[in-house]
Amino acid sequence: MAFVRVYCGQSPSATVTSATLATAHLDLSSKPAVIFRIAARNEKGYGPATQVRWLQDVSSTPSSIASINSQPINVQATNNSQQVSKRALNLGTLQEGSFTTPVKRLKSDDQL
């Protein structure tokens, strides 16, 4: 499995088209997910990176993600003092029962 570059440039936003998502690899051996890697670099080539796992519903996950709605995914980031943070991940409208939306799981105090 390898990451596919969908954008490289100065703008703090990018669009991942449904055609790119349709060719993405889904590993069905554990928890099916689409993984986005968002990275930034400064003039010296260094910078932060983060990964976003878009977990898929196991009961309705097809062998490919070609059934994703034709609306593209928009990813935006801001650059303040060489730091990049995720501003928005708009997944658009999904077909009924196709995929679940990203969920951020927080640790409770007793897990820390």
PDB file of N, CA and C in Angstrom:
ATOM      1  N   MET A   1       0.852  -1.176   0.000  1.00  0.00           N
ATOM      2  CA  MET A   1       0.000   0.000   0.000  1.00  0.00           C
ATOM      3  C   MET A   1       0.895   1.236   0.000  1.00  0.00           C
ATOM      4  N   ALA A   2       0.539   2.209  -0.803  1.00  0.00           N
ATOM      5  CA  ALA A   2       1.301   3.452  -0.885  1.00  0.00           C
ATOM      6  C   ALA A   2       0.333   4.620  -0.956  1.00  0.00           C
ATOM      7  N   PHE A   3       0.816   5.779  -0.525  1.00  0.00           N
ATOM      8  CA  PHE A   3       0.008   6.986  -0.618  1.00  0.00           C
ATOM      9  C   PHE A   3       0.093   7.536  -2.028  1.00  0.00           C
ATOM     10  N   VAL A   4      -0.992   8.113  -2.506  1.00  0.00           N
ATOM     11  CA  VAL A   4      -1.043   8.750  -3.818  1.00  0.00           C
ATOM     12  C   VAL A   4      -1.108  10.246  -3.583  1.00  0.00           C
ATOM     13  N   ARG A   5      -0.210  11.002  -4.205  1.00  0.00           N
ATOM     14  CA  ARG A   5      -0.223  12.458  -4.039  1.00  0.00           C
ATOM     15  C   ARG A   5      -1.376  13.023  -4.859  1.00  0.00           C
ATOM     16  N   VAL A   6      -2.270  13.715  -4.193  1.00  0.00           N
ATOM     17  CA  VAL A   6      -3.400  14.323  -4.879  1.00  0.00           C
ATOM     18  C   VAL A   6      -3.253  15.833  -4.982  1.00  0.00           C
ATOM     19  N   TYR A   7      -2.300  16.404  -4.240  1.00  0.00           N
ATOM     20  CA  TYR A   7      -2.085  17.848  -4.310  1.00  0.00           C
ATOM     21  C   TYR A   7      -0.707  18.175  -3.765  1.00  0.00           C
ATOM     22  N   CYS A   8      -0.050  19.134  -4.404  1.00  0.00           N
ATOM     23  CA  CYS A   8       1.220  19.666  -3.917  1.00  0.00           C
ATOM     24  C   CYS A   8       1.272  21.117  -4.370  1.00  0.00           C
ATOM     25  N   GLY A   9       1.326  22.062  -3.432  1.00  0.00           N
ATOM     26  CA  GLY A   9       1.356  23.464  -3.812  1.00  0.00           C
ATOM     27  C   GLY A   9       1.276  24.384  -2.617  1.00  0.00           C
ATOM     28  N   GLN A  10       1.102  25.665  -2.894  1.00  0.00           N
ATOM     29  CA  GLN A  10       1.101  26.686  -1.854  1.00  0.00           C
ATOM     30  C   GLN A  10      -0.268  26.897  -1.210  1.00  0.00           C
ATOM     31  N   SER A  11      -1.333  26.561  -1.893  1.00  0.00           N
ATOM     32  CA  SER A  11      -2.677  26.793  -1.371  1.00  0.00           C
ATOM     33  C   SER A  11      -2.941  25.911  -0.149  1.00  0.00           C
ATOM     34  N   PRO A  12      -3.624  26.443   0.880  1.00  0.00           N
ATOM     35  CA  PRO A  12      -3.894  25.650   2.083  1.00  0.00           C
ATOM     36  C   PRO A  12      -5.117  24.747   1.966  1.00  0.00           C
ATOM     37  N   SER A  13      -5.550  24.428   0.750  1.00  0.00           N
ATOM     38  CA  SER A  13      -6.693  23.537   0.583  1.00  0.00           C
ATOM     39  C   SER A  13      -6.489  22.664  -0.644  1.00  0.00           C
ATOM     40  N   ALA A  14      -7.212  21.548  -0.678  1.00  0.00           N
ATOM     41  CA  ALA A  14      -7.124  20.625  -1.803  1.00  0.00           C
ATOM     42  C   ALA A  14      -8.445  19.893  -1.941  1.00  0.00           C
ATOM     43  N   THR A  15      -8.702  19.360  -3.120  1.00  0.00           N
ATOM     44  CA  THR A  15      -9.902  18.587  -3.380  1.00  0.00           C
ATOM     45  C   THR A  15      -9.495  17.198  -3.845  1.00  0.00           C
ATOM     46  N   VAL A  16     -10.019  16.182  -3.188  1.00  0.00           N
ATOM     47  CA  VAL A  16      -9.789  14.798  -3.589  1.00  0.00           C
ATOM     48  C   VAL A  16     -11.024  14.361  -4.360  1.00  0.00           C
ATOM     49  N   THR A  17     -10.860  14.083  -5.637  1.00  0.00           N
ATOM     50  CA  THR A  17     -12.004  13.759  -6.489  1.00  0.00           C
ATOM     51  C   THR A  17     -12.496  12.341  -6.238  1.00  0.00           C
ATOM     52  N   SER A  18     -13.724  12.081  -6.654  1.00  0.00           N
ATOM     53  CA  SER A  18     -14.286  10.742  -6.501  1.00  0.00           C
ATOM     54  C   SER A  18     -13.549   9.737  -7.379  1.00  0.00           C
ATOM     55  N   ALA A  19     -12.976  10.189  -8.499  1.00  0.00           N
ATOM     56  CA  ALA A  19     -12.195   9.284  -9.354  1.00  0.00           C
ATOM     57  C   ALA A  19     -10.959   8.781  -8.611  1.00  0.00           C
ATOM     58  N   THR A  20     -10.307   9.667  -7.849  1.00  0.00           N
ATOM     59  CA  THR A  20      -9.149   9.255  -7.052  1.00  0.00           C
ATOM     60  C   THR A  20      -9.578   8.299  -5.954  1.00  0.00           C
ATOM     61  N   LEU A  21     -10.699   8.573  -5.302  1.00  0.00           N
ATOM     62  CA  LEU A  21     -11.197   7.685  -4.251  1.00  0.00           C
ATOM     63  C   LEU A  21     -11.586   6.321  -4.802  1.00  0.00           C
ATOM     64  N   ALA A  22     -12.100   6.291  -6.033  1.00  0.00           N
ATOM     65  CA  ALA A  22     -12.512   5.028  -6.636  1.00  0.00           C
ATOM     66  C   ALA A  22     -11.325   4.110  -6.894  1.00  0.00           C
ATOM     67  N   THR A  23     -10.132   4.674  -7.082  1.00  0.00           N
ATOM     68  CA  THR A  23      -8.947   3.852  -7.322  1.00  0.00           C
ATOM     69  C   THR A  23      -8.180   3.551  -6.041  1.00  0.00           C
ATOM     70  N   ALA A  24      -8.677   4.017  -4.905  1.00  0.00           N
ATOM     71  CA  ALA A  24      -7.977   3.808  -3.633  1.00  0.00           C
ATOM     72  C   ALA A  24      -8.042   2.345  -3.222  1.00  0.00           C
ATOM     73  N   HIS A  25      -7.036   1.916  -2.485  1.00  0.00           N
ATOM     74  CA  HIS A  25      -6.962   0.541  -1.986  1.00  0.00           C
ATOM     75  C   HIS A  25      -7.637   0.461  -0.624  1.00  0.00           C
ATOM     76  N   LEU A  26      -8.523  -0.518  -0.449  1.00  0.00           N
ATOM     77  CA  LEU A  26      -9.151  -0.764   0.849  1.00  0.00           C
ATOM     78  C   LEU A  26      -8.604  -2.070   1.405  1.00  0.00           C
ATOM     79  N   ASP A  27      -7.975  -2.007   2.556  1.00  0.00           N
ATOM     80  CA  ASP A  27      -7.487  -3.205   3.226  1.00  0.00           C
ATOM     81  C   ASP A  27      -8.623  -3.745   4.079  1.00  0.00           C
ATOM     82  N   LEU A  28      -9.186  -4.879   3.688  1.00  0.00           N
ATOM     83  CA  LEU A  28     -10.335  -5.435   4.389  1.00  0.00           C
ATOM     84  C   LEU A  28      -9.935  -6.453   5.447  1.00  0.00           C
ATOM     85  N   SER A  29      -8.618  -6.612   5.706  1.00  0.00           N
ATOM     86  CA  SER A  29      -8.172  -7.613   6.670  1.00  0.00           C
ATOM     87  C   SER A  29      -8.497  -7.220   8.111  1.00  0.00           C
ATOM     88  N   SER A  30      -8.510  -5.952   8.432  1.00  0.00           N
ATOM     89  CA  SER A  30      -8.864  -5.527   9.790  1.00  0.00           C
ATOM     90  C   SER A  30     -10.035  -4.561   9.703  1.00  0.00           C
ATOM     91  N   LYS A  31      -9.874  -3.348  10.191  1.00  0.00           N
ATOM     92  CA  LYS A  31     -10.931  -2.348  10.093  1.00  0.00           C
ATOM     93  C   LYS A  31     -10.787  -1.628   8.763  1.00  0.00           C
ATOM     94  N   PRO A  32     -11.743  -1.779   7.844  1.00  0.00           N
ATOM     95  CA  PRO A  32     -11.646  -1.083   6.556  1.00  0.00           C
ATOM     96  C   PRO A  32     -11.636   0.426   6.764  1.00  0.00           C
ATOM     97  N   ALA A  33     -10.713   1.106   6.089  1.00  0.00           N
ATOM     98  CA  ALA A  33     -10.588   2.550   6.248  1.00  0.00           C
ATOM     99  C   ALA A  33      -9.885   3.151   5.046  1.00  0.00           C
ATOM    100  N   VAL A  34     -10.192   4.400   4.793  1.00  0.00           N
ATOM    101  CA  VAL A  34      -9.440   5.209   3.833  1.00  0.00           C
ATOM    102  C   VAL A  34      -8.563   6.108   4.683  1.00  0.00           C
ATOM    103  N   ILE A  35      -7.260   6.155   4.384  1.00  0.00           N
ATOM    104  CA  ILE A  35      -6.319   6.928   5.195  1.00  0.00           C
ATOM    105  C   ILE A  35      -5.826   8.120   4.394  1.00  0.00           C
ATOM    106  N   PHE A  36      -6.011   9.305   4.944  1.00  0.00           N
ATOM    107  CA  PHE A  36      -5.500  10.528   4.339  1.00  0.00           C
ATOM    108  C   PHE A  36      -4.276  10.963   5.127  1.00  0.00           C
ATOM    109  N   ARG A  37      -3.194  11.305   4.448  1.00  0.00           N
ATOM    110  CA  ARG A  37      -1.993  11.828   5.106  1.00  0.00           C
ATOM    111  C   ARG A  37      -1.853  13.281   4.682  1.00  0.00           C
ATOM    112  N   ILE A  38      -1.929  14.183   5.644  1.00  0.00           N
ATOM    113  CA  ILE A  38      -1.835  15.616   5.376  1.00  0.00           C
ATOM    114  C   ILE A  38      -0.485  16.077   5.897  1.00  0.00           C
ATOM    115  N   ALA A  39       0.347  16.612   5.006  1.00  0.00           N
ATOM    116  CA  ALA A  39       1.702  17.006   5.390  1.00  0.00           C
ATOM    117  C   ALA A  39       1.997  18.413   4.889  1.00  0.00           C
ATOM    118  N   ALA A  40       2.926  19.068   5.568  1.00  0.00           N
ATOM    119  CA  ALA A  40       3.362  20.412   5.177  1.00  0.00           C
ATOM    120  C   ALA A  40       4.873  20.487   5.314  1.00  0.00           C
ATOM    121  N   ARG A  41       5.484  21.362   4.514  1.00  0.00           N
ATOM    122  CA  ARG A  41       6.934  21.551   4.594  1.00  0.00           C
ATOM    123  C   ARG A  41       7.248  23.032   4.587  1.00  0.00           C
ATOM    124  N   ASN A  42       8.295  23.406   5.321  1.00  0.00           N
ATOM    125  CA  ASN A  42       8.771  24.782   5.273  1.00  0.00           C
ATOM    126  C   ASN A  42       9.862  24.891   4.209  1.00  0.00           C
ATOM    127  N   GLU A  43      10.568  26.015   4.177  1.00  0.00           N
ATOM    128  CA  GLU A  43      11.595  26.235   3.155  1.00  0.00           C
ATOM    129  C   GLU A  43      12.718  25.204   3.233  1.00  0.00           C
ATOM    130  N   LYS A  44      12.982  24.661   4.409  1.00  0.00           N
ATOM    131  CA  LYS A  44      14.063  23.688   4.592  1.00  0.00           C
ATOM    132  C   LYS A  44      13.605  22.249   4.355  1.00  0.00           C
ATOM    133  N   GLY A  45      12.333  22.061   4.065  1.00  0.00           N
ATOM    134  CA  GLY A  45      11.819  20.723   3.795  1.00  0.00           C
ATOM    135  C   GLY A  45      11.273  19.991   5.006  1.00  0.00           C
ATOM    136  N   TYR A  46      11.184  20.670   6.153  1.00  0.00           N
ATOM    137  CA  TYR A  46      10.675  20.046   7.367  1.00  0.00           C
ATOM    138  C   TYR A  46       9.265  20.542   7.663  1.00  0.00           C
ATOM    139  N   GLY A  47       8.483  19.717   8.314  1.00  0.00           N
ATOM    140  CA  GLY A  47       7.156  20.151   8.702  1.00  0.00           C
ATOM    141  C   GLY A  47       6.347  19.020   9.288  1.00  0.00           C
ATOM    142  N   PRO A  48       5.215  19.352   9.900  1.00  0.00           N
ATOM    143  CA  PRO A  48       4.379  18.333  10.540  1.00  0.00           C
ATOM    144  C   PRO A  48       3.549  17.556   9.524  1.00  0.00           C
ATOM    145  N   ALA A  49       3.129  16.386   9.931  1.00  0.00           N
ATOM    146  CA  ALA A  49       2.226  15.566   9.123  1.00  0.00           C
ATOM    147  C   ALA A  49       1.246  14.885  10.069  1.00  0.00           C
ATOM    148  N   THR A  50       0.063  14.629   9.589  1.00  0.00           N
ATOM    149  CA  THR A  50      -0.938  13.922  10.378  1.00  0.00           C
ATOM    150  C   THR A  50      -1.699  12.985   9.457  1.00  0.00           C
ATOM    151  N   GLN A  51      -2.233  11.933  10.020  1.00  0.00           N
ATOM    152  CA  GLN A  51      -3.034  10.997   9.245  1.00  0.00           C
ATOM    153  C   GLN A  51      -4.454  10.986   9.777  1.00  0.00           C
ATOM    154  N   VAL A  52      -5.409  10.913   8.857  1.00  0.00           N
ATOM    155  CA  VAL A  52      -6.823  10.847   9.197  1.00  0.00           C
ATOM    156  C   VAL A  52      -7.342   9.518   8.671  1.00  0.00           C
ATOM    157  N   ARG A  53      -7.869   8.682   9.564  1.00  0.00           N
ATOM    158  CA  ARG A  53      -8.466   7.404   9.152  1.00  0.00           C
ATOM    159  C   ARG A  53      -9.970   7.594   9.020  1.00  0.00           C
ATOM    160  N   TRP A  54     -10.489   7.321   7.834  1.00  0.00           N
ATOM    161  CA  TRP A  54     -11.923   7.393   7.579  1.00  0.00           C
ATOM    162  C   TRP A  54     -12.427   5.962   7.648  1.00  0.00           C
ATOM    163  N   LEU A  55     -12.895   5.530   8.833  1.00  0.00           N
ATOM    164  CA  LEU A  55     -13.332   4.155   9.039  1.00  0.00           C
ATOM    165  C   LEU A  55     -14.584   3.869   8.231  1.00  0.00           C
ATOM    166  N   GLN A  56     -14.652   2.659   7.680  1.00  0.00           N
ATOM    167  CA  GLN A  56     -15.781   2.242   6.863  1.00  0.00           C
ATOM    168  C   GLN A  56     -16.630   1.249   7.645  1.00  0.00           C
ATOM    169  N   ASP A  57     -17.913   1.221   7.374  1.00  0.00           N
ATOM    170  CA  ASP A  57     -18.827   0.284   8.011  1.00  0.00           C
ATOM    171  C   ASP A  57     -18.551  -1.110   7.461  1.00  0.00           C
ATOM    172  N   VAL A  58     -18.172  -2.041   8.321  1.00  0.00           N
ATOM    173  CA  VAL A  58     -17.781  -3.382   7.888  1.00  0.00           C
ATOM    174  C   VAL A  58     -18.935  -4.106   7.219  1.00  0.00           C
ATOM    175  N   SER A  59     -20.154  -3.931   7.703  1.00  0.00           N
ATOM    176  CA  SER A  59     -21.297  -4.667   7.155  1.00  0.00           C
ATOM    177  C   SER A  59     -21.669  -4.233   5.748  1.00  0.00           C
ATOM    178  N   SER A  60     -21.333  -3.008   5.369  1.00  0.00           N
ATOM    179  CA  SER A  60     -21.729  -2.529   4.041  1.00  0.00           C
ATOM    180  C   SER A  60     -20.548  -2.095   3.195  1.00  0.00           C
ATOM    181  N   THR A  61     -19.321  -2.493   3.563  1.00  0.00           N
ATOM    182  CA  THR A  61     -18.147  -2.082   2.807  1.00  0.00           C
ATOM    183  C   THR A  61     -18.022  -2.920   1.547  1.00  0.00           C
ATOM    184  N   PRO A  62     -18.044  -2.283   0.375  1.00  0.00           N
ATOM    185  CA  PRO A  62     -17.848  -3.033  -0.863  1.00  0.00           C
ATOM    186  C   PRO A  62     -16.373  -3.363  -1.048  1.00  0.00           C
ATOM    187  N   SER A  63     -16.065  -4.171  -2.062  1.00  0.00           N
ATOM    188  CA  SER A  63     -14.671  -4.537  -2.306  1.00  0.00           C
ATOM    189  C   SER A  63     -13.859  -3.357  -2.808  1.00  0.00           C
ATOM    190  N   SER A  64     -14.513  -2.328  -3.295  1.00  0.00           N
ATOM    191  CA  SER A  64     -13.820  -1.087  -3.657  1.00  0.00           C
ATOM    192  C   SER A  64     -14.679   0.063  -3.168  1.00  0.00           C
ATOM    193  N   ILE A  65     -14.176   1.265  -3.252  1.00  0.00           N
ATOM    194  CA  ILE A  65     -14.952   2.411  -2.779  1.00  0.00           C
ATOM    195  C   ILE A  65     -15.588   3.157  -3.945  1.00  0.00           C
ATOM    196  N   ALA A  66     -15.831   2.463  -5.028  1.00  0.00           N
ATOM    197  CA  ALA A  66     -16.388   3.097  -6.215  1.00  0.00           C
ATOM    198  C   ALA A  66     -17.805   3.602  -5.991  1.00  0.00           C
ATOM    199  N   SER A  67     -18.497   3.111  -4.958  1.00  0.00           N
ATOM    200  CA  SER A  67     -19.875   3.543  -4.736  1.00  0.00           C
ATOM    201  C   SER A  67     -19.973   4.845  -3.962  1.00  0.00           C
ATOM    202  N   ILE A  68     -18.843   5.493  -3.683  1.00  0.00           N
ATOM    203  CA  ILE A  68     -18.878   6.787  -3.000  1.00  0.00           C
ATOM    204  C   ILE A  68     -19.565   7.803  -3.898  1.00  0.00           C
ATOM    205  N   ASN A  69     -20.343   8.668  -3.305  1.00  0.00           N
ATOM    206  CA  ASN A  69     -21.034   9.705  -4.047  1.00  0.00           C
ATOM    207  C   ASN A  69     -20.040  10.513  -4.872  1.00  0.00           C
ATOM    208  N   SER A  70     -20.493  11.093  -5.965  1.00  0.00           N
ATOM    209  CA  SER A  70     -19.596  11.797  -6.880  1.00  0.00           C
ATOM    210  C   SER A  70     -19.081  13.122  -6.336  1.00  0.00           C
ATOM    211  N   GLN A  71     -19.536  13.555  -5.163  1.00  0.00           N
ATOM    212  CA  GLN A  71     -19.032  14.801  -4.603  1.00  0.00           C
ATOM    213  C   GLN A  71     -17.610  14.609  -4.106  1.00  0.00           C
ATOM    214  N   PRO A  72     -16.705  15.544  -4.428  1.00  0.00           N
ATOM    215  CA  PRO A  72     -15.312  15.407  -3.987  1.00  0.00           C
ATOM    216  C   PRO A  72     -15.167  15.707  -2.502  1.00  0.00           C
ATOM    217  N   ILE A  73     -14.032  15.294  -1.949  1.00  0.00           N
ATOM    218  CA  ILE A  73     -13.698  15.575  -0.556  1.00  0.00           C
ATOM    219  C   ILE A  73     -12.806  16.798  -0.525  1.00  0.00           C
ATOM    220  N   ASN A  74     -13.130  17.760   0.322  1.00  0.00           N
ATOM    221  CA  ASN A  74     -12.340  18.978   0.440  1.00  0.00           C
ATOM    222  C   ASN A  74     -11.538  18.939   1.729  1.00  0.00           C
ATOM    223  N   VAL A  75     -10.241  19.178   1.628  1.00  0.00           N
ATOM    224  CA  VAL A  75      -9.361  19.196   2.790  1.00  0.00           C
ATOM    225  C   VAL A  75      -8.693  20.552   2.840  1.00  0.00           C
ATOM    226  N   GLN A  76      -8.764  21.226   3.989  1.00  0.00           N
ATOM    227  CA  GLN A  76      -8.153  22.538   4.138  1.00  0.00           C
ATOM    228  C   GLN A  76      -7.245  22.541   5.354  1.00  0.00           C
ATOM    229  N   ALA A  77      -6.177  23.319   5.274  1.00  0.00           N
ATOM    230  CA  ALA A  77      -5.265  23.482   6.408  1.00  0.00           C
ATOM    231  C   ALA A  77      -4.815  24.928   6.454  1.00  0.00           C
ATOM    232  N   THR A  78      -4.383  25.375   7.628  1.00  0.00           N
ATOM    233  CA  THR A  78      -3.847  26.721   7.762  1.00  0.00           C
ATOM    234  C   THR A  78      -2.388  26.636   8.142  1.00  0.00           C
ATOM    235  N   ASN A  79      -1.609  27.656   7.789  1.00  0.00           N
ATOM    236  CA  ASN A  79      -0.186  27.665   8.093  1.00  0.00           C
ATOM    237  C   ASN A  79       0.112  28.894   8.945  1.00  0.00           C
ATOM    238  N   ASN A  80       0.242  28.704  10.246  1.00  0.00           N
ATOM    239  CA  ASN A  80       0.582  29.774  11.183  1.00  0.00           C
ATOM    240  C   ASN A  80       1.862  29.388  11.897  1.00  0.00           C
ATOM    241  N   SER A  81       2.926  30.167  11.706  1.00  0.00           N
ATOM    242  CA  SER A  81       4.223  29.908  12.340  1.00  0.00           C
ATOM    243  C   SER A  81       4.705  28.488  12.065  1.00  0.00           C
ATOM    244  N   GLN A  82       4.632  28.080  10.818  1.00  0.00           N
ATOM    245  CA  GLN A  82       5.103  26.776  10.355  1.00  0.00           C
ATOM    246  C   GLN A  82       4.323  25.603  10.941  1.00  0.00           C
ATOM    247  N   GLN A  83       3.117  25.829  11.463  1.00  0.00           N
ATOM    248  CA  GLN A  83       2.309  24.731  11.975  1.00  0.00           C
ATOM    249  C   GLN A  83       1.082  24.575  11.100  1.00  0.00           C
ATOM    250  N   VAL A  84       0.710  23.343  10.842  1.00  0.00           N
ATOM    251  CA  VAL A  84      -0.453  23.063  10.012  1.00  0.00           C
ATOM    252  C   VAL A  84      -1.475  22.320  10.854  1.00  0.00           C
ATOM    253  N   SER A  85      -2.716  22.731  10.759  1.00  0.00           N
ATOM    254  CA  SER A  85      -3.778  22.025  11.462  1.00  0.00           C
ATOM    255  C   SER A  85      -4.897  21.742  10.486  1.00  0.00           C
ATOM    256  N   LYS A  86      -5.674  20.685  10.757  1.00  0.00           N
ATOM    257  CA  LYS A  86      -6.796  20.357   9.895  1.00  0.00           C
ATOM    258  C   LYS A  86      -7.914  21.354  10.160  1.00  0.00           C
ATOM    259  N   ARG A  87      -8.364  22.060   9.156  1.00  0.00           N
ATOM    260  CA  ARG A  87      -9.441  23.027   9.317  1.00  0.00           C
ATOM    261  C   ARG A  87     -10.777  22.357   9.034  1.00  0.00           C
ATOM    262  N   ALA A  88     -10.875  21.617   7.929  1.00  0.00           N
ATOM    263  CA  ALA A  88     -12.151  21.001   7.586  1.00  0.00           C
ATOM    264  C   ALA A  88     -11.919  19.764   6.750  1.00  0.00           C
ATOM    265  N   LEU A  89     -12.770  18.794   6.925  1.00  0.00           N
ATOM    266  CA  LEU A  89     -12.794  17.607   6.079  1.00  0.00           C
ATOM    267  C   LEU A  89     -14.249  17.388   5.729  1.00  0.00           C
ATOM    268  N   ASN A  90     -14.636  17.864   4.560  1.00  0.00           N
ATOM    269  CA  ASN A  90     -16.025  17.818   4.145  1.00  0.00           C
ATOM    270  C   ASN A  90     -16.233  16.566   3.315  1.00  0.00           C
ATOM    271  N   LEU A  91     -17.003  15.610   3.828  1.00  0.00           N
ATOM    272  CA  LEU A  91     -17.216  14.362   3.121  1.00  0.00           C
ATOM    273  C   LEU A  91     -18.457  14.391   2.246  1.00  0.00           C
ATOM    274  N   GLY A  92     -19.179  15.484   2.247  1.00  0.00           N
ATOM    275  CA  GLY A  92     -20.341  15.589   1.383  1.00  0.00           C
ATOM    276  C   GLY A  92     -21.455  14.649   1.822  1.00  0.00           C
ATOM    277  N   THR A  93     -22.403  14.413   0.916  1.00  0.00           N
ATOM    278  CA  THR A  93     -23.509  13.526   1.229  1.00  0.00           C
ATOM    279  C   THR A  93     -23.156  12.123   0.778  1.00  0.00           C
ATOM    280  N   LEU A  94     -23.413  11.162   1.627  1.00  0.00           N
ATOM    281  CA  LEU A  94     -23.089   9.782   1.306  1.00  0.00           C
ATOM    282  C   LEU A  94     -24.364   9.022   1.009  1.00  0.00           C
ATOM    283  N   GLN A  95     -24.238   7.988   0.191  1.00  0.00           N
ATOM    284  CA  GLN A  95     -25.388   7.162  -0.116  1.00  0.00           C
ATOM    285  C   GLN A  95     -25.805   6.409   1.139  1.00  0.00           C
ATOM    286  N   GLU A  96     -27.086   6.147   1.256  1.00  0.00           N
ATOM    287  CA  GLU A  96     -27.626   5.485   2.438  1.00  0.00           C
ATOM    288  C   GLU A  96     -26.937   4.142   2.673  1.00  0.00           C
ATOM    289  N   GLY A  97     -26.319   3.980   3.829  1.00  0.00           N
ATOM    290  CA  GLY A  97     -25.698   2.719   4.189  1.00  0.00           C
ATOM    291  C   GLY A  97     -24.363   2.444   3.535  1.00  0.00           C
ATOM    292  N   SER A  98     -23.783   3.405   2.799  1.00  0.00           N
ATOM    293  CA  SER A  98     -22.531   3.137   2.097  1.00  0.00           C
ATOM    294  C   SER A  98     -21.337   3.195   3.024  1.00  0.00           C
ATOM    295  N   PHE A  99     -21.104   4.341   3.643  1.00  0.00           N
ATOM    296  CA  PHE A  99     -19.926   4.532   4.467  1.00  0.00           C
ATOM    297  C   PHE A  99     -20.282   5.384   5.674  1.00  0.00           C
ATOM    298  N   THR A 100     -19.473   5.257   6.701  1.00  0.00           N
ATOM    299  CA  THR A 100     -19.679   6.092   7.878  1.00  0.00           C
ATOM    300  C   THR A 100     -18.787   7.314   7.791  1.00  0.00           C
ATOM    301  N   THR A 101     -19.128   8.340   8.523  1.00  0.00           N
ATOM    302  CA  THR A 101     -18.321   9.553   8.532  1.00  0.00           C
ATOM    303  C   THR A 101     -17.214   9.435   9.567  1.00  0.00           C
ATOM    304  N   PRO A 102     -16.154  10.250   9.450  1.00  0.00           N
ATOM    305  CA  PRO A 102     -15.062  10.167  10.421  1.00  0.00           C
ATOM    306  C   PRO A 102     -15.541  10.487  11.832  1.00  0.00           C
ATOM    307  N   VAL A 103     -14.989   9.786  12.799  1.00  0.00           N
ATOM    308  CA  VAL A 103     -15.338   9.994  14.196  1.00  0.00           C
ATOM    309  C   VAL A 103     -14.050  10.165  14.975  1.00  0.00           C
ATOM    310  N   LYS A 104     -13.951  11.256  15.723  1.00  0.00           N
ATOM    311  CA  LYS A 104     -12.784  11.464  16.573  1.00  0.00           C
ATOM    312  C   LYS A 104     -13.082  10.844  17.923  1.00  0.00           C
ATOM    313  N   ARG A 105     -12.226   9.919  18.329  1.00  0.00           N
ATOM    314  CA  ARG A 105     -12.420   9.243  19.601  1.00  0.00           C
ATOM    315  C   ARG A 105     -11.543   9.897  20.654  1.00  0.00           C
ATOM    316  N   LEU A 106     -12.163  10.304  21.754  1.00  0.00           N
ATOM    317  CA  LEU A 106     -11.445  10.954  22.840  1.00  0.00           C
ATOM    318  C   LEU A 106     -11.207   9.965  23.967  1.00  0.00           C
ATOM    319  N   LYS A 107     -10.030  10.051  24.586  1.00  0.00           N
ATOM    320  CA  LYS A 107      -9.721   9.198  25.730  1.00  0.00           C
ATOM    321  C   LYS A 107     -10.347   9.798  26.982  1.00  0.00           C
ATOM    322  N   SER A 108     -10.895   8.941  27.815  1.00  0.00           N
ATOM    323  CA  SER A 108     -11.434   9.426  29.082  1.00  0.00           C
ATOM    324  C   SER A 108     -10.289   9.623  30.063  1.00  0.00           C
ATOM    325  N   ASP A 109     -10.562  10.298  31.165  1.00  0.00           N
ATOM    326  CA  ASP A 109      -9.531  10.607  32.154  1.00  0.00           C
ATOM    327  C   ASP A 109      -8.862   9.354  32.713  1.00  0.00           C
ATOM    328  N   ASP A 110      -9.625   8.259  32.889  1.00  0.00           N
ATOM    329  CA  ASP A 110      -9.037   7.052  33.456  1.00  0.00           C
ATOM    330  C   ASP A 110      -8.158   6.300  32.455  1.00  0.00           C
ATOM    331  N   GLN A 111      -8.230   6.613  31.156  1.00  0.00           N
ATOM    332  CA  GLN A 111      -7.374   5.984  30.154  1.00  0.00           C
ATOM    333  C   GLN A 111      -6.065   6.729  29.980  1.00  0.00           C
ATOM    334  N   LEU A 112      -5.950   7.949  30.499  1.00  0.00           N
ATOM    335  CA  LEU A 112      -4.736   8.743  30.337  1.00  0.00           C
ATOM    336  C   LEU A 112      -3.643   8.334  31.276  1.00  0.00           C
TER     337      LEU A 112
END
